[in-house]
């Protein structure tokens, strides 16, 4: 069984995010990039945060400061974030 891949769009209320759930990483990345582009057209992110989750692990997010990749070790230990080089 594959893990769910979720794109979470958090507006002003973090308790009520919009969710896009899929099993395909390519599709999830497309939705993530489209949401970032749509909310960044004014030069700033209108929503509070856009997150890409694989199962229970955050792998990428975008906020007012930019787009970031979340880094883990091979053992799955959180290492921090790195600005995405798109």
C-alpha atoms as a PDB file:
ATOM      1  CA  UNK A   1       0.000   0.000   0.000  1.00  0.00           C
ATOM      2  CA  UNK A   2       1.325   3.430  -0.920  1.00  0.00           C
ATOM      3  CA  UNK A   3       1.269   6.427   1.376  1.00  0.00           C
ATOM      4  CA  UNK A   4      -1.126   9.269   0.687  1.00  0.00           C
ATOM      5  CA  UNK A   5       0.467  12.389  -0.729  1.00  0.00           C
ATOM      6  CA  UNK A   6      -1.313  15.538   0.428  1.00  0.00           C
ATOM      7  CA  UNK A   7      -1.101  19.151  -0.676  1.00  0.00           C
ATOM      8  CA  UNK A   8      -2.442  21.297   2.171  1.00  0.00           C
ATOM      9  CA  UNK A   9      -3.415  24.909   1.450  1.00  0.00           C
ATOM     10  CA  UNK A  10      -3.677  26.867   4.685  1.00  0.00           C
ATOM     11  CA  UNK A  11      -5.401  30.204   4.435  1.00  0.00           C
ATOM     12  CA  UNK A  12      -6.004  32.305   7.524  1.00  0.00           C
ATOM     13  CA  UNK A  13      -7.526  29.540   9.652  1.00  0.00           C
ATOM     14  CA  UNK A  14      -5.049  26.644  10.093  1.00  0.00           C
ATOM     15  CA  UNK A  15      -7.848  24.446  11.485  1.00  0.00           C
ATOM     16  CA  UNK A  16      -9.685  24.462   8.142  1.00  0.00           C
ATOM     17  CA  UNK A  17      -7.135  23.871   5.325  1.00  0.00           C
ATOM     18  CA  UNK A  18      -7.982  22.885   1.765  1.00  0.00           C
ATOM     19  CA  UNK A  19      -6.618  19.394   1.067  1.00  0.00           C
ATOM     20  CA  UNK A  20      -5.690  17.680  -2.197  1.00  0.00           C
ATOM     21  CA  UNK A  21      -4.936  14.002  -1.590  1.00  0.00           C
ATOM     22  CA  UNK A  22      -3.418  11.733  -4.236  1.00  0.00           C
ATOM     23  CA  UNK A  23      -1.159   8.703  -4.538  1.00  0.00           C
ATOM     24  CA  UNK A  24       0.968  10.211  -7.315  1.00  0.00           C
ATOM     25  CA  UNK A  25       3.944  12.455  -6.483  1.00  0.00           C
ATOM     26  CA  UNK A  26       4.030  13.996  -9.981  1.00  0.00           C
ATOM     27  CA  UNK A  27       0.400  15.037  -9.644  1.00  0.00           C
ATOM     28  CA  UNK A  28       0.974  16.396  -6.120  1.00  0.00           C
ATOM     29  CA  UNK A  29       3.995  18.449  -7.248  1.00  0.00           C
ATOM     30  CA  UNK A  30       1.958  19.855 -10.140  1.00  0.00           C
ATOM     31  CA  UNK A  31      -0.825  20.949  -7.761  1.00  0.00           C
ATOM     32  CA  UNK A  32       1.722  22.372  -5.275  1.00  0.00           C
ATOM     33  CA  UNK A  33       3.469  24.389  -8.006  1.00  0.00           C
ATOM     34  CA  UNK A  34       0.138  25.607  -9.445  1.00  0.00           C
ATOM     35  CA  UNK A  35      -1.054  26.766  -6.022  1.00  0.00           C
ATOM     36  CA  UNK A  36       2.242  28.560  -5.324  1.00  0.00           C
ATOM     37  CA  UNK A  37       2.098  30.260  -8.740  1.00  0.00           C
ATOM     38  CA  UNK A  38      -1.571  31.206  -8.347  1.00  0.00           C
ATOM     39  CA  UNK A  39      -1.034  32.714  -4.902  1.00  0.00           C
ATOM     40  CA  UNK A  40       2.262  34.398  -5.814  1.00  0.00           C
ATOM     41  CA  UNK A  41       1.129  36.368  -8.866  1.00  0.00           C
ATOM     42  CA  UNK A  42       0.969  39.535  -6.802  1.00  0.00           C
ATOM     43  CA  UNK A  43       4.554  39.044  -5.627  1.00  0.00           C
ATOM     44  CA  UNK A  44       3.548  37.654  -2.232  1.00  0.00           C
ATOM     45  CA  UNK A  45       1.860  34.530  -0.960  1.00  0.00           C
ATOM     46  CA  UNK A  46      -1.794  35.346  -0.259  1.00  0.00           C
ATOM     47  CA  UNK A  47      -2.411  32.178   1.724  1.00  0.00           C
ATOM     48  CA  UNK A  48      -0.575  31.573   4.990  1.00  0.00           C
ATOM     49  CA  UNK A  49       1.205  28.395   3.864  1.00  0.00           C
ATOM     50  CA  UNK A  50       1.132  25.636   1.234  1.00  0.00           C
ATOM     51  CA  UNK A  51       2.490  22.252   2.361  1.00  0.00           C
ATOM     52  CA  UNK A  52       3.332  18.979   0.595  1.00  0.00           C
ATOM     53  CA  UNK A  53       3.100  15.887   2.816  1.00  0.00           C
ATOM     54  CA  UNK A  54       4.009  12.266   2.098  1.00  0.00           C
ATOM     55  CA  UNK A  55       2.211  10.227   4.737  1.00  0.00           C
ATOM     56  CA  UNK A  56       2.981  12.008   8.004  1.00  0.00           C
ATOM     57  CA  UNK A  57       6.201  13.646   6.768  1.00  0.00           C
ATOM     58  CA  UNK A  58       6.351  17.258   5.541  1.00  0.00           C
ATOM     59  CA  UNK A  59       8.606  17.345   2.451  1.00  0.00           C
ATOM     60  CA  UNK A  60       8.067  20.815   0.963  1.00  0.00           C
ATOM     61  CA  UNK A  61       6.325  24.046   1.879  1.00  0.00           C
ATOM     62  CA  UNK A  62       5.840  27.607   0.696  1.00  0.00           C
ATOM     63  CA  UNK A  63       5.140  30.652   2.823  1.00  0.00           C
ATOM     64  CA  UNK A  64       5.695  34.423   2.609  1.00  0.00           C
ATOM     65  CA  UNK A  65       9.483  33.865   2.753  1.00  0.00           C
ATOM     66  CA  UNK A  66       9.696  31.497  -0.247  1.00  0.00           C
ATOM     67  CA  UNK A  67       9.560  27.810  -1.184  1.00  0.00           C
ATOM     68  CA  UNK A  68      11.515  25.348   0.955  1.00  0.00           C
ATOM     69  CA  UNK A  69      12.464  21.671   0.846  1.00  0.00           C
ATOM     70  CA  UNK A  70      12.448  19.861   4.197  1.00  0.00           C
ATOM     71  CA  UNK A  71      15.542  17.663   4.593  1.00  0.00           C
ATOM     72  CA  UNK A  72      15.785  14.327   6.408  1.00  0.00           C
ATOM     73  CA  UNK A  73      18.639  11.844   6.905  1.00  0.00           C
ATOM     74  CA  UNK A  74      18.426   8.354   5.379  1.00  0.00           C
ATOM     75  CA  UNK A  75      17.174   7.177   8.771  1.00  0.00           C
ATOM     76  CA  UNK A  76      14.332   9.716   8.594  1.00  0.00           C
ATOM     77  CA  UNK A  77      15.678  12.181  11.149  1.00  0.00           C
ATOM     78  CA  UNK A  78      14.709  15.797  10.494  1.00  0.00           C
ATOM     79  CA  UNK A  79      17.675  17.943   9.394  1.00  0.00           C
ATOM     80  CA  UNK A  80      16.086  21.289   8.635  1.00  0.00           C
ATOM     81  CA  UNK A  81      14.936  23.215   5.601  1.00  0.00           C
ATOM     82  CA  UNK A  82      16.671  24.390   2.464  1.00  0.00           C
ATOM     83  CA  UNK A  83      15.375  27.010   0.039  1.00  0.00           C
ATOM     84  CA  UNK A  84      14.095  25.404  -3.146  1.00  0.00           C
ATOM     85  CA  UNK A  85      16.272  26.253  -6.169  1.00  0.00           C
ATOM     86  CA  UNK A  86      13.432  26.576  -8.695  1.00  0.00           C
END
